[in-house]
Amino acid sequence: MKSEDLTKAIGEVDEKMIAEADAVRSKKRKPRWILYAAAAACLAIVVAIAKPLWTKSEQKTEQIPLGKPDHSVLYDADSSVTDRLIALAKYPQMAKRPSDIDYTDDYEAYDRAYEEWYADRTAIKEATPTPKNSDYFDHFYRTSAAEFLSESEDENLVYSPSNVYMALAMLSELTDGQSREQILQLLGTESIEELRTEAKHLWMSNYFDDGTLTTVMANSVWLDDSLPYNQETLTRLAEEYYASSYSGTMGSEEYDALLRDWLNRQTGGLLEDQVKELSFDPRTVMALASTVYFKGQWNDRFYEENTKQQVFHATNGDVTTDFMCSSDLGMAYWGESYTAVEKPMEGGASMWLILPDEGKTVADVLSEGEIFEMTKAGADWTQKKYLQLNLQMPKFDVSSKLDLVGSLQKLGVRDIFDYSVSDFTPMSSALENVYVDKVEHAARVMVDEKGCTAAAYTVIMIECGAAICEDELDFVLDRPFLFVITGCGDQPLFIGIVNQV
């Protein structure tokens, strides 16, 4: 099937999905403690190493001088590769949230701008489908985080469960029989129809791009222009998953460059080092790519003048680095073997900071699993206390790249990796010996006084051939710790472990 045929079959995708969540949840903790995290591990959907991170931005309103997702066509209209684009996903336009400072002398203009912003948010909320099972994401989040982060050892790890979930949901549309059933079981859903609703809910309930908070997911399908595909399946990927589609020659430098450019644009350039190593094999018959980009500002920012040098007790030795410091009334939470604090961001997102108790490791906390219940419960968690919170946390910039093939097989997804039993008939009934050759996941999280920026991608390569208060708490994150970033839809976007800074 040629590009022009696919264009006719798919058409342009009109993405209508959004989400908000302006509520900031309080959190939990125990009585008066002085907790020093001096030498262990850190959990988060991002597990990484903290190091001095940002350079200053020239624009005061910008958190970090790095890009943001670019959903425009990748090349100018006169470019020779423009015809590689078959369908371009269109993202909803969300009005920017007005700032009081910009309307000090014109209250009516402010009211109009606010009403426009509120109307967009309301429309997105009303368009977000309601899944049959409101806890649909829990099973995959817990099982995958425990598996993917289990081998951190002394290294930082970062993982985006929402990103991998989206990629696997798209992959399920290309499969049938046991190949599909194994993916559905891992994603914790009963049918492909329910999965479509759940995936759309995940996308829309976390979509936010109003100038105060950015959470944008993107999907794409990469086709070989010499092969036949099932048009109905391609149309469904476009309509249900807002996936842009491209067609080209697998293994060509031009097509490789197009893939890398798309990934860099959708992740704001945060993962260029990982992206530059990606390329199509001539045997690749189709590839799926999913990304998530996040950028949020703290509700209460750290003052740079309070940042000071302190020692972080890393797993491989002490290191002196910048610690951000604040002292405010707030909620602290605790569990069987950890203490936690939630750092809210504008727009309803949050970062959970989870410090293992002395004598416990990040691995201990992860294996016990209680933190998943705690971060989900939020303000409803019973083991909490409102107190004077003296927070000291290092600036960090952590990243990692994971090969997920082995881990997915351990989690029960096996048939897609074996061409002798895999079933990819929904993708193409004309192709034989089709199997998944690569599932690569890369993620990065950066934190400074103003807020947090994060990005992740998952690329799946499909090939044809033989497979191979009175109380006070000093919360000092000076040893390995975990973190979880939740979006405005309350689902975990990133989870990570900081072992080094």
Foldseek 3Di string as FASTA:
>chain_A
DALVVLLVLAPAEEDQAAAFFQDAFFAFAAFFDEFAAAAFKAKALWFFAFDDDADDDPDPLDDGPFFAADQDQLDDPPDPQSSQWRYGFDDDDAAAQDDCVVQVPPVPVNVVSNVSNVVSNVSNVVPQFDFPDPCLQLQLVLLVRLLQCVPCQQGKGKRFSLFVLLQLLLVLLLFDDVLNVLSCVNSRHDDNVSSLSVNSNSQRNFQDDRSAKHKHKAKEKEAERVDDWQSVSVNCCCHSVVYTYGYYQAPDPVVLVVVLSNQCNNARNPPNVVSVPDGGDNQFGMKMKMKIKIDWWFPDFFDPVQWDWDWFRFNVGIDIATKTKDKDWGKKFDDDFWIWGWTDTGRQKIKIWIRGGPVDHPSRVSVVPVVSVRLLCRNVDPRMDTATEIEIGGWGKTKDKDWCPVSSVVSRNDQQQFQVRTGRVNTPVVAGSKHWATWMKMKMWGADRTGIIMMMMIMITIGHDGGDHPGYYYHHNRYKHKMFMAGSSSDTRMIIIHRHD
